[in-house]
Protein backbone atom coordinates (compact mmCIF):
# COMPACT_ATOMS: atom_id res chain seq x y z
CA UNK A 1 0.00 0.00 0.00
CA UNK A 2 1.32 3.44 -0.93
CA UNK A 3 1.19 6.15 1.71
CA UNK A 4 1.01 9.69 0.36
CA UNK A 5 2.22 12.57 2.43
CA UNK A 6 1.87 16.28 1.92
CA UNK A 7 4.99 17.99 0.70
CA UNK A 8 6.18 20.20 3.52
CA UNK A 9 7.24 23.72 2.74
CA UNK A 10 7.78 24.87 6.28
CA UNK A 11 10.96 26.72 5.26
CA UNK A 12 8.94 29.23 3.25
CA UNK A 13 9.38 32.83 4.42
CA UNK A 14 6.64 35.24 5.50
CA UNK A 15 7.44 37.44 2.49
CA UNK A 16 6.94 34.49 0.14
CA UNK A 17 3.65 33.63 1.83
CA UNK A 18 2.47 37.24 1.48
CA UNK A 19 3.41 37.27 -2.21
CA UNK A 20 1.24 34.17 -2.76
CA UNK A 21 -1.82 35.39 -0.87
CA UNK A 22 -5.08 35.52 -2.81
CA UNK A 23 -6.79 38.92 -2.97
CA UNK A 24 -9.43 37.90 -0.41
CA UNK A 25 -6.76 38.04 2.32
CA UNK A 26 -5.18 41.33 1.28
CA UNK A 27 -8.11 43.54 2.29
CA UNK A 28 -9.70 42.09 5.44
CA UNK A 29 -13.01 43.54 6.54
CA UNK A 30 -13.78 44.38 10.15
CA UNK A 31 -17.18 43.03 11.12
CA UNK A 32 -18.80 43.91 14.42
CA UNK A 33 -21.96 42.10 15.40
CA UNK A 34 -23.62 42.81 18.77
CA UNK A 35 -20.38 44.30 20.06
CA UNK A 36 -18.35 41.23 19.01
CA UNK A 37 -15.65 41.11 16.35
CA UNK A 38 -16.91 38.25 14.22
CA UNK A 39 -14.70 39.09 11.24
CA UNK A 40 -11.34 38.65 13.00
CA UNK A 41 -11.93 35.04 14.01
CA UNK A 42 -13.29 34.09 10.60
CA UNK A 43 -10.45 35.86 8.79
CA UNK A 44 -7.78 34.24 10.96
CA UNK A 45 -9.31 30.74 10.55
CA UNK A 46 -9.45 31.15 6.77
CA UNK A 47 -5.91 32.53 6.65
CA UNK A 48 -4.66 29.71 8.89
CA UNK A 49 -6.23 27.13 6.57
CA UNK A 50 -4.73 28.78 3.49
CA UNK A 51 -1.26 29.03 5.04
CA UNK A 52 -1.40 25.39 6.17
CA UNK A 53 -2.07 24.36 2.57
CA UNK A 54 0.71 26.58 1.23
CA UNK A 55 3.19 25.28 3.81
CA UNK A 56 2.13 21.63 3.52
CA UNK A 57 1.03 21.43 7.15
CA UNK A 58 -1.68 19.10 8.38
CA UNK A 59 -5.23 20.51 8.72
CA UNK A 60 -6.37 21.41 12.24
CA UNK A 61 -8.88 18.54 12.13
CA UNK A 62 -5.97 16.06 12.14
CA UNK A 63 -4.84 15.23 15.70
CA UNK A 64 -1.25 15.01 14.44
CA UNK A 65 -1.33 18.75 13.67
CA UNK A 66 -0.73 19.63 17.34
CA UNK A 67 2.21 22.00 17.54
CA UNK A 68 2.05 22.98 13.86
CA UNK A 69 1.22 26.65 13.61
CA UNK A 70 1.53 28.76 10.47
CA UNK A 71 2.68 32.38 10.99
CA UNK A 72 -0.82 33.92 10.82
CA UNK A 73 -0.08 37.01 12.95
CA UNK A 74 3.23 37.61 11.16
CA UNK A 75 1.53 37.48 7.75
CA UNK A 76 -1.20 39.83 8.96
CA UNK A 77 1.44 42.28 10.21
CA UNK A 78 3.34 42.02 6.90
CA UNK A 79 0.25 43.05 4.91
CA UNK A 80 -0.38 45.95 7.28
CA UNK A 81 -3.28 44.67 9.38
CA UNK A 82 -1.98 43.10 12.60
CA UNK A 83 -4.64 41.72 14.98
CA UNK A 84 -3.93 44.59 17.39
CA UNK A 85 -5.31 47.05 14.80
CA UNK A 86 -8.63 45.18 14.79
CA UNK A 87 -8.93 45.54 18.56
CA UNK A 88 -7.87 49.18 18.43
CA UNK A 89 -10.58 49.86 15.84
CA UNK A 90 -13.19 48.10 17.97
CA UNK A 91 -12.30 50.18 21.03
CA UNK A 92 -12.51 53.53 19.21
C-alpha atoms as a PDB file:
ATOM      1  CA  UNK A   1       0.000   0.000   0.000  1.00  0.00           C
ATOM      2  CA  UNK A   2       1.317   3.442  -0.930  1.00  0.00           C
ATOM      3  CA  UNK A   3       1.191   6.151   1.714  1.00  0.00           C
ATOM      4  CA  UNK A   4       1.010   9.691   0.364  1.00  0.00           C
ATOM      5  CA  UNK A   5       2.221  12.567   2.433  1.00  0.00           C
ATOM      6  CA  UNK A   6       1.866  16.282   1.918  1.00  0.00           C
ATOM      7  CA  UNK A   7       4.985  17.986   0.697  1.00  0.00           C
ATOM      8  CA  UNK A   8       6.179  20.204   3.520  1.00  0.00           C
ATOM      9  CA  UNK A   9       7.237  23.719   2.744  1.00  0.00           C
ATOM     10  CA  UNK A  10       7.780  24.872   6.283  1.00  0.00           C
ATOM     11  CA  UNK A  11      10.962  26.716   5.256  1.00  0.00           C
ATOM     12  CA  UNK A  12       8.940  29.227   3.253  1.00  0.00           C
ATOM     13  CA  UNK A  13       9.376  32.830   4.416  1.00  0.00           C
ATOM     14  CA  UNK A  14       6.645  35.235   5.501  1.00  0.00           C
ATOM     15  CA  UNK A  15       7.442  37.435   2.486  1.00  0.00           C
ATOM     16  CA  UNK A  16       6.941  34.487   0.139  1.00  0.00           C
ATOM     17  CA  UNK A  17       3.654  33.628   1.834  1.00  0.00           C
ATOM     18  CA  UNK A  18       2.470  37.235   1.480  1.00  0.00           C
ATOM     19  CA  UNK A  19       3.414  37.265  -2.211  1.00  0.00           C
ATOM     20  CA  UNK A  20       1.243  34.170  -2.762  1.00  0.00           C
ATOM     21  CA  UNK A  21      -1.824  35.389  -0.871  1.00  0.00           C
ATOM     22  CA  UNK A  22      -5.082  35.516  -2.810  1.00  0.00           C
ATOM     23  CA  UNK A  23      -6.789  38.924  -2.972  1.00  0.00           C
ATOM     24  CA  UNK A  24      -9.425  37.901  -0.410  1.00  0.00           C
ATOM     25  CA  UNK A  25      -6.761  38.040   2.321  1.00  0.00           C
ATOM     26  CA  UNK A  26      -5.179  41.332   1.283  1.00  0.00           C
ATOM     27  CA  UNK A  27      -8.106  43.543   2.294  1.00  0.00           C
ATOM     28  CA  UNK A  28      -9.697  42.092   5.436  1.00  0.00           C
ATOM     29  CA  UNK A  29     -13.014  43.535   6.541  1.00  0.00           C
ATOM     30  CA  UNK A  30     -13.782  44.379  10.154  1.00  0.00           C
ATOM     31  CA  UNK A  31     -17.179  43.026  11.115  1.00  0.00           C
ATOM     32  CA  UNK A  32     -18.796  43.907  14.419  1.00  0.00           C
ATOM     33  CA  UNK A  33     -21.956  42.098  15.405  1.00  0.00           C
ATOM     34  CA  UNK A  34     -23.619  42.810  18.774  1.00  0.00           C
ATOM     35  CA  UNK A  35     -20.377  44.296  20.062  1.00  0.00           C
ATOM     36  CA  UNK A  36     -18.352  41.230  19.008  1.00  0.00           C
ATOM     37  CA  UNK A  37     -15.648  41.114  16.354  1.00  0.00           C
ATOM     38  CA  UNK A  38     -16.905  38.246  14.219  1.00  0.00           C
ATOM     39  CA  UNK A  39     -14.699  39.092  11.245  1.00  0.00           C
ATOM     40  CA  UNK A  40     -11.342  38.648  12.997  1.00  0.00           C
ATOM     41  CA  UNK A  41     -11.926  35.040  14.012  1.00  0.00           C
ATOM     42  CA  UNK A  42     -13.292  34.091  10.603  1.00  0.00           C
ATOM     43  CA  UNK A  43     -10.451  35.864   8.786  1.00  0.00           C
ATOM     44  CA  UNK A  44      -7.781  34.236  10.964  1.00  0.00           C
ATOM     45  CA  UNK A  45      -9.315  30.744  10.546  1.00  0.00           C
ATOM     46  CA  UNK A  46      -9.453  31.145   6.770  1.00  0.00           C
ATOM     47  CA  UNK A  47      -5.913  32.534   6.647  1.00  0.00           C
ATOM     48  CA  UNK A  48      -4.664  29.714   8.894  1.00  0.00           C
ATOM     49  CA  UNK A  49      -6.229  27.130   6.572  1.00  0.00           C
ATOM     50  CA  UNK A  50      -4.734  28.783   3.495  1.00  0.00           C
ATOM     51  CA  UNK A  51      -1.257  29.027   5.045  1.00  0.00           C
ATOM     52  CA  UNK A  52      -1.404  25.391   6.172  1.00  0.00           C
ATOM     53  CA  UNK A  53      -2.072  24.363   2.572  1.00  0.00           C
ATOM     54  CA  UNK A  54       0.715  26.582   1.231  1.00  0.00           C
ATOM     55  CA  UNK A  55       3.188  25.277   3.805  1.00  0.00           C
ATOM     56  CA  UNK A  56       2.134  21.630   3.516  1.00  0.00           C
ATOM     57  CA  UNK A  57       1.028  21.425   7.153  1.00  0.00           C
ATOM     58  CA  UNK A  58      -1.685  19.097   8.384  1.00  0.00           C
ATOM     59  CA  UNK A  59      -5.227  20.506   8.720  1.00  0.00           C
ATOM     60  CA  UNK A  60      -6.365  21.405  12.236  1.00  0.00           C
ATOM     61  CA  UNK A  61      -8.880  18.543  12.126  1.00  0.00           C
ATOM     62  CA  UNK A  62      -5.973  16.061  12.135  1.00  0.00           C
ATOM     63  CA  UNK A  63      -4.835  15.234  15.698  1.00  0.00           C
ATOM     64  CA  UNK A  64      -1.252  15.005  14.437  1.00  0.00           C
ATOM     65  CA  UNK A  65      -1.333  18.747  13.674  1.00  0.00           C
ATOM     66  CA  UNK A  66      -0.733  19.630  17.336  1.00  0.00           C
ATOM     67  CA  UNK A  67       2.205  22.000  17.541  1.00  0.00           C
ATOM     68  CA  UNK A  68       2.046  22.977  13.858  1.00  0.00           C
ATOM     69  CA  UNK A  69       1.219  26.654  13.609  1.00  0.00           C
ATOM     70  CA  UNK A  70       1.534  28.763  10.472  1.00  0.00           C
ATOM     71  CA  UNK A  71       2.677  32.378  10.990  1.00  0.00           C
ATOM     72  CA  UNK A  72      -0.815  33.922  10.819  1.00  0.00           C
ATOM     73  CA  UNK A  73      -0.076  37.012  12.952  1.00  0.00           C
ATOM     74  CA  UNK A  74       3.228  37.607  11.162  1.00  0.00           C
ATOM     75  CA  UNK A  75       1.531  37.482   7.747  1.00  0.00           C
ATOM     76  CA  UNK A  76      -1.203  39.833   8.960  1.00  0.00           C
ATOM     77  CA  UNK A  77       1.439  42.283  10.207  1.00  0.00           C
ATOM     78  CA  UNK A  78       3.335  42.024   6.905  1.00  0.00           C
ATOM     79  CA  UNK A  79       0.251  43.054   4.909  1.00  0.00           C
ATOM     80  CA  UNK A  80      -0.385  45.954   7.285  1.00  0.00           C
ATOM     81  CA  UNK A  81      -3.281  44.671   9.385  1.00  0.00           C
ATOM     82  CA  UNK A  82      -1.985  43.103  12.603  1.00  0.00           C
ATOM     83  CA  UNK A  83      -4.644  41.725  14.978  1.00  0.00           C
ATOM     84  CA  UNK A  84      -3.930  44.595  17.389  1.00  0.00           C
ATOM     85  CA  UNK A  85      -5.311  47.050  14.803  1.00  0.00           C
ATOM     86  CA  UNK A  86      -8.635  45.181  14.791  1.00  0.00           C
ATOM     87  CA  UNK A  87      -8.931  45.542  18.558  1.00  0.00           C
ATOM     88  CA  UNK A  88      -7.872  49.182  18.426  1.00  0.00           C
ATOM     89  CA  UNK A  89     -10.582  49.864  15.843  1.00  0.00           C
ATOM     90  CA  UNK A  90     -13.186  48.099  17.968  1.00  0.00           C
ATOM     91  CA  UNK A  91     -12.300  50.181  21.029  1.00  0.00           C
ATOM     92  CA  UNK A  92     -12.507  53.531  19.211  1.00  0.00           C
END
